[in-house]
């Protein structure tokens, strides 16, 4: 086999292997019902449970890097503490050993029929569950087929004097092996790929166990690069999480490199007594290394937390986001308590919505990534609240409810959707600010190329308008009032919200006329339309959602009817079939 054939076969096999790992993990994730984030979010109350959660999630998605990135995101959002994340990361290192054990079974001869079976299920089945199984099988087969190709490409290496010399040097200088493993994993972005290559080389006799183990230790250091990349530009909490990952893996590699001789003896002893094949010996060594590292460092989680806080100083930004707390058993024992619990969570959801609009406003005034990230985190929290509250309220509706309880349940379901839509509008505002800046940059570049002189002497990329600021104020006031109406059954406040509607509509109309006037005078820019028209429109719709809450509250709960003579809700005669008399909300 020529060098070119070796290289091409190896690269093709590596590509198929990496695709197989990714596709297998995605299929497992779909089959798991996409609850991986929830597992990390809910089951990390103690360090031991955090470790178990890390093991389970990594075993499901076949990627310790993926679990670490999830943990970084949850810490950044405030769903998880740094100490909990350290436990998850420790568990992720153990969970990733599953892949090495799978490879150890050496099913390469059955790779193609497994791929074929998976493809049949993928393309000829309409059931989602069978398609997920097909994806798992296809990825599983691709993993082994890629390994087979890599093994074929690397087989001639054992006859190359240069390669043998490198392996001899690694045996004599373990630090060199650690460096090779670190660099290889950083380049491939997959510790599983490095382990797979190592298993193939060891099976062929190209490397000794003494040379393979330091490379395996370096593999754990290299896998931290993904977490480092994920935390770039992120919060202090996220950076600390990534730093704890580096410290945990680096300390483990140092400890076991120093203990290489006794560790090699232990692995050899177990391999001989259990009759393990070469690939399974590497998998066993990988598992023993990570479990031992966990057993040593698990007791020092508080110290690791203290170290990373000193390495990365500063105060963590707490968005005060917490997981949704809803008890399902209460639904069947006390529907009143279940509805009250749901109401508290809807109010909590409203607080995220309020904070999201505030952060969007800050981003309009000062386009820092910090405010944009806050909106993204609040949006994730709002969406999670929407999913869990909707499921919970639907379950409540399936029980036997009184007419009043049924009305409360329906009202809360409506409010959940209203708050979710306001969250979407705050995301739109972020997008429109970015779009406005991009348009202005494009326009300035065009003016510079054409040497166009304009009467516009604006220094900033964004037009900061006092009436748009006033619109933000009134919409934020309506959101705060909507939460108060829901929490305190405040009829008077609900009526004030309706009175404020006309002021908001007038502001939106004023901003539209202002944009037209700017364009007519030749002072306007294309970017101004995005700001004054699109952002004001989203703020108006956000306000409409809060008004929907006020109107629903007055019309359904207190049986008020809209009086067109004075444009106010008035108490009507009690009617069991009272419904909201209001405009349809966009």
Protein backbone atom coordinates (compact mmCIF):
# COMPACT_ATOMS: atom_id res chain seq x y z
CA UNK A 1 0.00 0.00 0.00
CA UNK A 2 1.45 3.37 -1.04
CA UNK A 3 1.71 6.32 1.36
CA UNK A 4 -1.05 8.07 -0.57
CA UNK A 5 -3.38 5.09 -0.24
CA UNK A 6 -2.58 4.86 3.46
CA UNK A 7 -3.33 8.55 3.97
CA UNK A 8 -6.54 8.58 1.93
CA UNK A 9 -7.85 5.37 3.52
CA UNK A 10 -7.03 6.67 7.02
CA UNK A 11 -8.70 10.05 6.43
CA UNK A 12 -11.79 8.43 4.90
CA UNK A 13 -12.01 5.94 7.78
CA UNK A 14 -11.56 8.73 10.32
CA UNK A 15 -14.31 10.77 8.67
CA UNK A 16 -16.72 7.82 8.67
CA UNK A 17 -15.80 7.03 12.29
CA UNK A 18 -16.44 10.61 13.47
CA UNK A 19 -19.70 10.72 11.52
CA UNK A 20 -20.72 7.40 13.08
CA UNK A 21 -20.00 8.68 16.62
CA UNK A 22 -21.98 11.90 15.98
CA UNK A 23 -24.87 10.12 14.26
CA UNK A 24 -25.01 7.44 16.95
CA UNK A 25 -25.09 10.09 19.69
CA UNK A 26 -27.83 12.06 17.92
CA UNK A 27 -29.93 8.91 17.54
CA UNK A 28 -29.50 8.00 21.19
CA UNK A 29 -30.44 11.54 22.16
CA UNK A 30 -33.65 11.37 20.09
CA UNK A 31 -34.49 7.97 21.57
CA UNK A 32 -33.96 9.41 25.06
CA UNK A 33 -36.71 11.94 24.39
CA UNK A 34 -34.36 14.92 24.33
CA UNK A 35 -34.47 15.19 28.15
CA UNK A 36 -30.70 15.37 28.59
CA UNK A 37 -30.69 19.03 29.64
CA UNK A 38 -33.48 18.24 32.10
CA UNK A 39 -31.42 15.41 33.62
CA UNK A 40 -28.52 17.76 34.22
CA UNK A 41 -30.85 20.51 35.41
CA UNK A 42 -32.87 18.45 37.87
CA UNK A 43 -30.62 15.70 39.19
CA UNK A 44 -27.52 17.53 40.37
CA UNK A 45 -28.54 18.51 43.90
CA UNK A 46 -25.56 16.68 45.47
CA UNK A 47 -22.04 16.05 44.12
CA UNK A 48 -22.70 12.30 43.88
CA UNK A 49 -25.93 12.83 41.91
CA UNK A 50 -24.15 15.35 39.68
CA UNK A 51 -21.51 12.70 38.87
CA UNK A 52 -24.23 10.15 38.06
CA UNK A 53 -26.02 12.68 35.84
CA UNK A 54 -22.76 13.33 33.98
CA UNK A 55 -22.21 9.60 33.44
CA UNK A 56 -25.78 9.01 32.19
CA UNK A 57 -25.89 11.96 29.80
CA UNK A 58 -22.44 11.23 28.36
CA UNK A 59 -23.36 7.57 27.92
CA UNK A 60 -26.44 8.65 25.97
CA UNK A 61 -24.84 11.21 23.67
CA UNK A 62 -21.43 9.48 23.43
CA UNK A 63 -19.58 12.75 23.94
CA UNK A 64 -18.00 14.06 27.14
CA UNK A 65 -17.39 17.35 25.30
CA UNK A 66 -21.12 17.64 24.55
CA UNK A 67 -22.01 17.10 28.22
CA UNK A 68 -19.42 19.66 29.29
CA UNK A 69 -20.80 22.23 26.84
CA UNK A 70 -24.31 21.59 28.24
CA UNK A 71 -22.97 22.12 31.77
CA UNK A 72 -21.26 25.35 30.71
CA UNK A 73 -24.55 26.62 29.29
CA UNK A 74 -26.53 25.69 32.42
CA UNK A 75 -23.99 27.36 34.72
CA UNK A 76 -23.98 30.46 32.55
CA UNK A 77 -27.78 30.60 32.72
CA UNK A 78 -27.83 30.15 36.49
CA UNK A 79 -29.59 26.77 36.39
CA UNK A 80 -26.56 25.03 37.90
CA UNK A 81 -23.86 26.04 40.37
CA UNK A 82 -20.15 25.72 39.62
CA UNK A 83 -19.84 22.96 42.23
CA UNK A 84 -22.61 20.95 40.58
CA UNK A 85 -20.99 21.43 37.16
CA UNK A 86 -17.66 20.08 38.45
CA UNK A 87 -19.46 16.89 39.53
CA UNK A 88 -21.10 16.61 36.09
CA UNK A 89 -17.72 17.01 34.37
CA UNK A 90 -16.19 14.30 36.53
CA UNK A 91 -19.06 11.99 35.62
CA UNK A 92 -18.72 12.87 31.93
CA UNK A 93 -15.13 11.59 31.94
CA UNK A 94 -16.35 8.22 33.19
CA UNK A 95 -19.33 8.17 30.79
CA UNK A 96 -17.11 8.65 27.75
CA UNK A 97 -15.39 5.29 28.44
CA UNK A 98 -18.54 3.56 27.14
CA UNK A 99 -17.42 4.25 23.56
CA UNK A 100 -14.06 2.57 24.12
CA UNK A 101 -15.79 -0.55 25.48
CA UNK A 102 -18.15 -0.61 22.48
CA UNK A 103 -15.13 -0.48 20.16
CA UNK A 104 -13.51 -3.24 22.22
CA UNK A 105 -16.11 -5.75 21.04
CA UNK A 106 -14.60 -5.44 17.52
CA UNK A 107 -17.71 -5.87 15.36
CA UNK A 108 -16.01 -4.57 12.21
CA UNK A 109 -16.94 -7.70 10.23
CA UNK A 110 -20.64 -6.90 10.79
CA UNK A 111 -20.35 -3.16 10.11
CA UNK A 112 -21.88 -3.18 6.61
CA UNK A 113 -24.98 -5.29 7.46
CA UNK A 114 -25.55 -3.08 10.53
CA UNK A 115 -25.35 0.03 8.30
CA UNK A 116 -27.77 -1.59 5.83
CA UNK A 117 -30.29 -2.44 8.57
CA UNK A 118 -30.09 1.09 9.93
CA UNK A 119 -30.59 2.59 6.47
CA UNK A 120 -33.70 0.44 5.88
CA UNK A 121 -35.26 1.64 9.15
CA UNK A 122 -34.28 5.24 8.40
CA UNK A 123 -35.69 5.44 4.90
CA UNK A 124 -38.57 2.95 4.90
CA UNK A 125 -40.12 3.48 8.33
CA UNK A 126 -42.56 6.27 9.15
CA UNK A 127 -42.50 5.73 12.92
CA UNK A 128 -40.22 8.17 14.72
CA UNK A 129 -39.08 5.54 17.25
CA UNK A 130 -37.99 3.14 14.49
CA UNK A 131 -36.22 5.96 12.64
CA UNK A 132 -34.28 6.75 15.83
CA UNK A 133 -33.31 3.08 16.14
CA UNK A 134 -32.28 3.15 12.47
CA UNK A 135 -30.11 6.19 13.13
CA UNK A 136 -28.47 4.46 16.11
CA UNK A 137 -27.73 1.33 14.05
CA UNK A 138 -26.45 3.35 11.08
CA UNK A 139 -24.11 5.34 13.34
CA UNK A 140 -23.05 2.15 15.15
CA UNK A 141 -22.18 0.45 11.87
CA UNK A 142 -20.41 3.52 10.49
CA UNK A 143 -18.30 3.67 13.66
CA UNK A 144 -17.00 0.13 13.13
CA UNK A 145 -16.62 0.51 9.37
CA UNK A 146 -14.53 3.64 9.92
CA UNK A 147 -12.39 1.74 12.44
CA UNK A 148 -11.87 -1.06 9.91
CA UNK A 149 -10.66 1.40 7.27
CA UNK A 150 -8.34 3.14 9.75
CA UNK A 151 -6.95 -0.22 10.85
CA UNK A 152 -6.25 -1.18 7.23
CA UNK A 153 -4.48 2.13 6.63
CA UNK A 154 -2.36 1.92 9.81
CA UNK A 155 -1.38 -1.73 9.49
CA UNK A 156 1.81 -1.00 7.49
CA UNK A 157 3.03 1.39 10.21
CA UNK A 158 4.35 -1.47 12.33
CA UNK A 159 6.95 -2.16 9.62
CA UNK A 160 8.15 1.46 9.42
CA UNK A 161 11.40 2.02 11.38
CA UNK A 162 10.59 5.72 11.90
CA UNK A 163 7.22 4.94 13.53
CA UNK A 164 8.74 2.22 15.70
CA UNK A 165 11.41 4.68 16.85
CA UNK A 166 8.75 7.22 17.85
CA UNK A 167 6.91 4.54 19.88
CA UNK A 168 10.17 3.53 21.57
CA UNK A 169 10.75 7.18 22.52
CA UNK A 170 7.20 7.40 23.92
CA UNK A 171 7.85 4.27 26.01
CA UNK A 172 10.97 5.84 27.48
CA UNK A 173 9.53 9.36 27.79
CA UNK A 174 5.84 9.19 28.87
CA UNK A 175 5.50 13.00 28.74
CA UNK A 176 6.01 12.77 24.97
CA UNK A 177 3.09 10.34 24.78
CA UNK A 178 0.91 12.67 26.84
CA UNK A 179 1.74 15.49 24.42
CA UNK A 180 0.90 13.32 21.38
CA UNK A 181 -2.45 12.30 22.88
CA UNK A 182 -3.28 15.91 23.79
CA UNK A 183 -2.48 17.33 20.34
CA UNK A 184 -4.22 14.50 18.47
CA UNK A 185 -7.45 14.94 20.47
CA UNK A 186 -7.34 18.73 20.09
CA UNK A 187 -7.07 18.34 16.31
CA UNK A 188 -9.75 15.63 16.00
CA UNK A 189 -12.07 17.26 18.60
CA UNK A 190 -12.99 13.74 19.75
CA UNK A 191 -11.40 11.71 22.54
CA UNK A 192 -13.27 8.65 21.24
CA UNK A 193 -11.48 8.96 17.88
CA UNK A 194 -8.07 9.07 19.59
CA UNK A 195 -8.95 6.02 21.69
CA UNK A 196 -10.20 4.21 18.58
CA UNK A 197 -6.94 4.88 16.73
CA UNK A 198 -4.95 3.76 19.78
CA UNK A 199 -6.96 0.53 20.01
CA UNK A 200 -6.31 -0.25 16.35
CA UNK A 201 -2.56 0.36 16.73
CA UNK A 202 -2.39 -1.79 19.86
CA UNK A 203 -4.34 -4.62 18.19
CA UNK A 204 -1.83 -4.62 15.32
CA UNK A 205 1.14 -4.67 17.69
CA UNK A 206 2.33 -1.26 16.46
CA UNK A 207 2.47 0.13 20.01
CA UNK A 208 3.15 -1.38 23.41
CA UNK A 209 0.90 -0.87 26.42
CA UNK A 210 3.60 1.27 28.06
CA UNK A 211 3.56 3.61 25.03
CA UNK A 212 -0.25 3.54 24.63
CA UNK A 213 -1.15 4.56 28.19
CA UNK A 214 0.54 8.02 28.20
CA UNK A 215 -1.20 8.79 24.89
CA UNK A 216 -4.45 7.77 26.56
CA UNK A 217 -3.75 10.15 29.48
CA UNK A 218 -3.05 13.00 27.04
CA UNK A 219 -6.34 12.24 25.31
CA UNK A 220 -8.16 13.41 28.46
CA UNK A 221 -6.30 16.73 28.43
CA UNK A 222 -7.01 17.31 24.73
CA UNK A 223 -10.75 16.82 25.15
CA UNK A 224 -10.93 19.98 27.31
CA UNK A 225 -10.39 22.16 24.22
CA UNK A 226 -14.10 21.94 23.33
CA UNK A 227 -15.15 23.39 26.70
CA UNK A 228 -12.52 26.13 26.36
CA UNK A 229 -13.88 27.09 22.93
CA UNK A 230 -17.47 27.00 24.27
CA UNK A 231 -16.67 29.48 27.05
CA UNK A 232 -14.90 32.07 24.88
CA UNK A 233 -16.74 35.35 25.32
CA UNK A 234 -19.11 33.69 27.80
CA UNK A 235 -19.80 34.58 31.43
CA UNK A 236 -17.32 34.25 34.29
CA UNK A 237 -19.27 31.23 35.55
CA UNK A 238 -18.91 29.50 32.17
CA UNK A 239 -15.15 30.22 32.07
CA UNK A 240 -14.77 28.81 35.58
CA UNK A 241 -16.63 25.65 34.52
CA UNK A 242 -14.28 25.15 31.58
CA UNK A 243 -11.27 25.83 33.84
CA UNK A 244 -12.44 23.18 36.32
CA UNK A 245 -12.62 20.70 33.41
CA UNK A 246 -9.01 21.49 32.47
CA UNK A 247 -7.79 21.20 36.09
CA UNK A 248 -9.57 17.89 36.69
CA UNK A 249 -8.21 16.26 33.53
CA UNK A 250 -4.74 17.79 33.82
CA UNK A 251 -4.28 16.70 37.45
CA UNK A 252 -5.49 13.20 36.56
CA UNK A 253 -3.01 12.93 33.68
CA UNK A 254 -0.12 14.11 35.89
CA UNK A 255 -0.97 11.69 38.73
CA UNK A 256 -1.19 8.62 36.50
CA UNK A 257 1.83 9.55 34.38
CA UNK A 258 3.85 9.56 37.62
CA UNK A 259 2.25 6.21 38.56
CA UNK A 260 2.65 4.77 35.03
CA UNK A 261 4.66 1.67 36.03
CA UNK A 262 2.31 0.41 38.80
CA UNK A 263 -0.76 1.39 36.74
CA UNK A 264 0.56 -0.60 33.76
CA UNK A 265 1.12 -3.61 36.03
CA UNK A 266 -2.45 -3.41 37.35
CA UNK A 267 -3.90 -3.20 33.82
CA UNK A 268 -1.74 -6.15 32.67
CA UNK A 269 -2.78 -8.23 35.67
CA UNK A 270 -6.51 -7.65 35.09
CA UNK A 271 -6.17 -8.14 31.32
CA UNK A 272 -4.50 -11.54 31.84
CA UNK A 273 -6.96 -12.70 34.51
CA UNK A 274 -10.02 -11.60 32.52
CA UNK A 275 -8.67 -12.73 29.15
CA UNK A 276 -9.28 -9.36 27.48
CA UNK A 277 -8.49 -8.83 23.80
CA UNK A 278 -6.07 -5.97 22.93
CA UNK A 279 -8.82 -3.43 22.10
CA UNK A 280 -10.67 -4.27 25.31
CA UNK A 281 -7.42 -3.88 27.28
CA UNK A 282 -7.18 -0.25 26.14
CA UNK A 283 -10.89 0.24 26.97
CA UNK A 284 -10.33 -1.28 30.42
CA UNK A 285 -7.27 0.94 31.00
CA UNK A 286 -9.29 4.01 29.92
CA UNK A 287 -12.15 3.09 32.26
CA UNK A 288 -9.86 2.27 35.20
CA UNK A 289 -7.97 5.54 34.69
CA UNK A 290 -11.12 7.70 34.67
CA UNK A 291 -12.82 5.88 37.56
CA UNK A 292 -9.63 6.07 39.66
CA UNK A 293 -9.21 9.74 38.82
CA UNK A 294 -12.83 10.36 39.87
CA UNK A 295 -12.32 8.41 43.12
CA UNK A 296 -9.26 10.54 43.96
CA UNK A 297 -10.55 14.00 43.03
CA UNK A 298 -14.24 13.61 43.98
CA UNK A 299 -13.44 14.55 47.58
CA UNK A 300 -11.73 17.77 46.48
CA UNK A 301 -14.62 19.40 44.57
CA UNK A 302 -14.80 22.39 47.01
CA UNK A 303 -11.03 22.90 46.64
CA UNK A 304 -11.24 22.75 42.81
CA UNK A 305 -14.04 25.32 42.99
CA UNK A 306 -11.90 27.57 45.18
CA UNK A 307 -8.89 27.27 42.83
CA UNK A 308 -10.82 28.18 39.66
CA UNK A 309 -12.36 31.17 41.43
CA UNK A 310 -8.85 32.41 42.22
CA UNK A 311 -7.61 31.72 38.69
CA UNK A 312 -10.61 33.53 37.18
CA UNK A 313 -11.50 36.36 39.60
CA UNK A 314 -14.65 38.45 39.48
CA UNK A 315 -18.23 38.21 40.62
CA UNK A 316 -20.55 35.80 38.87
CA UNK A 317 -23.57 37.29 37.19
CA UNK A 318 -26.68 35.64 38.58
CA UNK A 319 -29.73 35.87 36.32
CA UNK A 320 -31.88 34.33 39.10
CA UNK A 321 -33.11 31.60 36.79
CA UNK A 322 -34.25 28.43 38.51
CA UNK A 323 -35.78 25.18 37.32
CA UNK A 324 -39.57 24.85 37.18
CA UNK A 325 -41.00 23.29 40.35
CA UNK A 326 -44.23 21.42 39.70
CA UNK A 327 -45.44 18.39 41.66
CA UNK A 328 -47.46 15.90 39.61
CA UNK A 329 -48.79 13.85 42.58
CA UNK A 330 -50.57 16.99 43.85
CA UNK A 331 -52.68 17.03 40.66
CA UNK A 332 -54.55 13.93 41.81
CA UNK A 333 -54.73 14.82 45.51
CA UNK A 334 -55.53 18.55 45.39
CA UNK A 335 -56.30 20.26 42.09
CA UNK A 336 -56.53 23.63 43.94
CA UNK A 337 -52.94 23.32 45.14
CA UNK A 338 -51.80 22.16 41.69
CA UNK A 339 -53.37 25.24 40.06
CA UNK A 340 -51.83 27.51 42.70
CA UNK A 341 -48.43 25.93 42.06
CA UNK A 342 -48.85 26.50 38.31
CA UNK A 343 -49.89 30.10 38.96
CA UNK A 344 -46.68 30.75 40.93
CA UNK A 345 -44.61 29.35 38.06
CA UNK A 346 -46.48 31.50 35.51
CA UNK A 347 -45.62 34.57 37.64
CA UNK A 348 -42.00 33.38 37.72
CA UNK A 349 -42.12 33.02 33.93
CA UNK A 350 -43.41 36.59 33.76
CA UNK A 351 -40.37 37.78 35.72
CA UNK A 352 -38.10 36.19 33.08
CA UNK A 353 -40.09 37.95 30.36
CA UNK A 354 -39.71 41.28 32.15
CA UNK A 355 -35.96 40.74 32.51
CA UNK A 356 -35.70 39.68 28.87
CA UNK A 357 -37.30 42.91 27.59
CA UNK A 358 -35.08 44.93 29.95
CA UNK A 359 -31.99 43.19 28.56
CA UNK A 360 -33.19 43.78 25.00
CA UNK A 361 -33.52 47.47 25.83
CA UNK A 362 -29.99 47.51 27.27
CA UNK A 363 -28.75 45.90 24.06
CA UNK A 364 -30.45 48.65 22.04
CA UNK A 365 -28.69 51.30 24.16
CA UNK A 366 -25.33 49.53 24.33
CA UNK A 367 -24.73 46.56 22.01
CA UNK A 368 -22.64 44.49 24.40
CA UNK A 369 -22.64 40.72 23.95
CA UNK A 370 -23.44 40.51 27.66
CA UNK A 371 -26.99 41.82 27.14
CA UNK A 372 -27.53 39.68 24.06
CA UNK A 373 -26.46 36.56 25.98
CA UNK A 374 -28.84 37.49 28.81
CA UNK A 375 -31.77 37.61 26.38
CA UNK A 376 -30.77 34.21 24.97
CA UNK A 377 -30.59 32.71 28.46
CA UNK A 378 -33.96 34.18 29.45
CA UNK A 379 -35.45 32.89 26.19
CA UNK A 380 -34.27 29.36 27.04
CA UNK A 381 -35.79 29.67 30.52
CA UNK A 382 -39.07 31.03 29.12
CA UNK A 383 -39.33 28.22 26.58
CA UNK A 384 -38.62 25.62 29.26
CA UNK A 385 -41.34 27.16 31.47
CA UNK A 386 -43.74 27.08 28.52
CA UNK A 387 -43.09 23.39 27.83
CA UNK A 388 -43.37 22.25 31.44
CA UNK A 389 -46.33 24.46 32.36
CA UNK A 390 -48.29 23.45 29.26
CA UNK A 391 -47.76 19.75 30.02
CA UNK A 392 -48.68 20.28 33.67
CA UNK A 393 -51.81 22.33 32.97
CA UNK A 394 -53.00 19.82 30.36
CA UNK A 395 -52.65 17.05 32.98
CA UNK A 396 -54.68 19.17 35.42
CA UNK A 397 -57.44 19.54 32.81
CA UNK A 398 -57.74 15.74 32.61
CA UNK A 399 -58.83 15.59 36.28
CA UNK A 400 -62.25 16.40 37.68
CA UNK A 401 -62.39 20.17 38.17
CA UNK A 402 -65.02 22.60 39.41
CA UNK A 403 -66.15 25.27 36.89
CA UNK A 404 -64.02 27.88 38.68
CA UNK A 405 -60.94 25.59 38.71
CA UNK A 406 -61.45 24.81 35.04
CA UNK A 407 -61.58 28.54 34.29
CA UNK A 408 -58.37 29.13 36.30
CA UNK A 409 -56.62 26.30 34.45
CA UNK A 410 -57.62 27.68 31.04
CA UNK A 411 -56.62 31.21 32.06
CA UNK A 412 -53.14 30.10 33.18
CA UNK A 413 -52.67 28.17 29.95
CA UNK A 414 -53.48 31.34 27.99
CA UNK A 415 -51.10 33.45 30.11
CA UNK A 416 -48.30 30.94 29.57
CA UNK A 417 -48.62 31.34 25.82
CA UNK A 418 -48.81 35.14 26.13
CA UNK A 419 -45.56 35.28 28.10
CA UNK A 420 -43.87 32.88 25.68
CA UNK A 421 -44.75 35.14 22.75
CA UNK A 422 -43.39 38.23 24.55
CA UNK A 423 -40.14 36.31 25.01
CA UNK A 424 -40.07 35.72 21.24
CA UNK A 425 -40.58 39.47 20.66
CA UNK A 426 -37.57 40.30 22.86
CA UNK A 427 -35.49 37.93 20.72
CA UNK A 428 -36.81 39.72 17.63
CA UNK A 429 -35.67 43.06 19.08
CA UNK A 430 -32.12 41.69 19.47
CA UNK A 431 -32.22 40.48 15.86
CA UNK A 432 -33.51 43.83 14.58
CA UNK A 433 -30.78 45.76 16.43
CA UNK A 434 -28.16 43.53 14.80
CA UNK A 435 -29.86 43.90 11.42
CA UNK A 436 -29.96 47.67 11.81
CA UNK A 437 -26.23 47.85 12.58
CA UNK A 438 -25.45 45.59 9.60
CA UNK A 439 -27.53 47.82 7.29
CA UNK A 440 -25.81 50.98 8.53
CA UNK A 441 -22.35 49.42 8.13
CA UNK A 442 -23.25 48.35 4.60
CA UNK A 443 -24.60 51.83 3.78
CA UNK A 444 -21.49 53.59 5.14
CA UNK A 445 -19.20 51.26 3.19
CA UNK A 446 -21.20 51.99 0.01
CA UNK A 447 -21.06 55.76 0.65
CA UNK A 448 -17.31 55.53 1.17
CA UNK A 449 -16.79 53.60 -2.08
CA UNK A 450 -18.96 56.03 -4.06
CA UNK A 451 -17.58 59.02 -2.14
CA UNK A 452 -21.16 60.06 -1.50
CA UNK A 453 -21.68 63.08 0.70
CA UNK A 454 -24.77 63.00 2.85
CA UNK A 455 -26.32 65.45 5.22
CA UNK A 456 -26.31 62.74 7.85
CA UNK A 457 -23.65 63.49 10.47
CA UNK A 458 -24.75 60.75 12.86
CA UNK A 459 -21.82 59.32 14.83
CA UNK A 460 -23.52 56.16 16.08
CA UNK A 461 -24.67 53.17 14.03
CA UNK A 462 -28.04 53.15 15.79
CA UNK A 463 -30.58 55.94 15.97
CA UNK A 464 -31.36 56.42 19.66
CA UNK A 465 -34.84 57.86 19.89
CA UNK A 466 -36.49 59.26 23.02
CA UNK A 467 -39.96 58.13 21.94
CA UNK A 468 -38.73 54.55 21.44
CA UNK A 469 -37.28 54.72 24.95
CA UNK A 470 -40.66 55.92 26.23
CA UNK A 471 -42.34 53.01 24.45
CA UNK A 472 -39.97 50.59 26.20
CA UNK A 473 -40.95 52.22 29.53
CA UNK A 474 -44.68 51.78 28.98
CA UNK A 475 -44.40 48.19 27.73
CA UNK A 476 -42.23 47.25 30.71
CA UNK A 477 -44.82 48.89 32.98
CA UNK A 478 -47.56 46.80 31.38
CA UNK A 479 -45.60 43.58 31.90
CA UNK A 480 -45.01 44.44 35.58
CA UNK A 481 -48.69 45.29 36.00
CA UNK A 482 -49.78 42.05 34.30
CA UNK A 483 -47.78 40.09 36.87
CA UNK A 484 -49.35 42.11 39.68
CA UNK A 485 -52.84 41.55 38.25
CA UNK A 486 -52.23 37.82 38.18
CA UNK A 487 -50.64 37.68 41.63
CA UNK A 488 -53.04 39.97 43.52
CA UNK A 489 -56.29 39.80 41.47
CA UNK A 490 -56.03 43.58 41.05
CA UNK A 491 -59.04 44.72 38.97
CA UNK A 492 -58.14 48.40 39.19
CA UNK A 493 -54.63 47.76 37.88
CA UNK A 494 -56.03 45.69 35.01
CA UNK A 495 -58.20 48.64 34.01
CA UNK A 496 -55.17 50.98 34.16
CA UNK A 497 -53.36 48.67 31.75
CA UNK A 498 -56.23 49.03 29.29
CA UNK A 499 -56.14 52.81 29.69
CA UNK A 500 -52.44 52.77 28.85
CA UNK A 501 -53.15 50.97 25.58
CA UNK A 502 -54.09 54.16 23.75
CA UNK A 503 -50.84 55.87 24.81
CA UNK A 504 -48.81 52.94 23.45
CA UNK A 505 -50.71 52.93 20.16
CA UNK A 506 -50.11 56.68 19.80
CA UNK A 507 -46.36 56.23 20.43
CA UNK A 508 -46.13 53.50 17.78
CA UNK A 509 -47.94 55.72 15.27
CA UNK A 510 -45.68 58.65 16.17
CA UNK A 511 -42.56 56.56 15.53
CA UNK A 512 -43.88 55.48 12.15
CA UNK A 513 -44.58 59.10 11.16
CA UNK A 514 -41.15 60.14 12.45
CA UNK A 515 -39.45 57.59 10.18
CA UNK A 516 -41.44 58.78 7.16
CA UNK A 517 -40.53 62.40 8.00
CA UNK A 518 -36.82 61.51 8.27
CA UNK A 519 -36.89 59.75 4.91
CA UNK A 520 -38.78 62.64 3.29
CA UNK A 521 -36.18 65.14 4.51
CA UNK A 522 -33.35 62.90 3.30
CA UNK A 523 -32.03 62.48 6.85
CA UNK A 524 -33.17 58.91 7.34
CA UNK A 525 -31.17 55.74 6.81
CA UNK A 526 -32.32 52.26 5.84
CA UNK A 527 -31.35 51.09 9.34
CA UNK A 528 -33.80 53.55 10.94
CA UNK A 529 -36.77 51.72 9.47
CA UNK A 530 -35.77 48.51 11.23
CA UNK A 531 -35.49 50.36 14.53
CA UNK A 532 -38.50 52.67 14.41
CA UNK A 533 -40.90 50.34 12.58
CA UNK A 534 -39.93 46.75 13.39
CA UNK A 535 -38.84 47.21 17.00
CA UNK A 536 -41.80 49.44 17.85
CA UNK A 537 -44.11 46.88 16.23
CA UNK A 538 -42.68 44.10 18.42
CA UNK A 539 -43.02 46.25 21.51
CA UNK A 540 -46.64 46.99 20.58
CA UNK A 541 -47.35 43.28 20.18
CA UNK A 542 -45.68 42.57 23.51
CA UNK A 543 -47.99 45.13 25.10
CA UNK A 544 -50.97 43.55 23.34
CA UNK A 545 -50.08 40.25 25.01
CA UNK A 546 -50.17 41.89 28.44
CA UNK A 547 -53.48 43.53 27.55
CA UNK A 548 -54.76 40.11 26.58
CA UNK A 549 -53.98 39.05 30.15
CA UNK A 550 -55.86 42.06 31.57
CA UNK A 551 -58.87 41.57 29.27
CA UNK A 552 -58.99 37.83 29.91
CA UNK A 553 -58.77 38.48 33.64
CA UNK A 554 -61.57 41.03 33.66
CA UNK A 555 -63.79 39.27 31.16
CA UNK A 556 -63.49 35.64 32.26
CA UNK A 557 -62.71 35.76 35.95
CA UNK A 558 -64.76 38.77 37.04
CA UNK A 559 -67.41 38.75 34.35
CA UNK A 560 -66.77 42.35 33.21
CA UNK A 561 -68.16 43.50 29.87
CA UNK A 562 -66.66 46.12 27.59
CA UNK A 563 -68.64 49.38 27.57
CA UNK A 564 -68.12 51.11 24.20
CA UNK A 565 -69.57 54.39 25.51
CA UNK A 566 -66.64 55.09 27.84
CA UNK A 567 -64.15 52.52 26.53
CA UNK A 568 -63.89 50.69 29.83
CA UNK A 569 -64.77 47.29 31.30
CA UNK A 570 -67.81 47.46 33.58
CA UNK A 571 -69.28 44.86 35.93
CA UNK A 572 -72.00 42.93 34.12
CA UNK A 573 -74.75 40.67 35.36
CA UNK A 574 -73.40 37.28 36.42
CA UNK A 575 -73.48 34.83 33.58
CA UNK A 576 -72.13 31.27 33.68
CA UNK A 577 -71.06 31.45 30.05
CA UNK A 578 -69.18 34.76 30.30
CA UNK A 579 -66.32 35.03 27.78
CA UNK A 580 -63.76 37.61 26.87
CA UNK A 581 -65.04 40.38 24.65
CA UNK A 582 -61.82 41.67 23.14
CA UNK A 583 -59.86 41.93 19.96
CA UNK A 584 -57.90 38.97 18.68
CA UNK A 585 -54.26 39.32 19.62
CA UNK A 586 -51.55 38.81 17.03
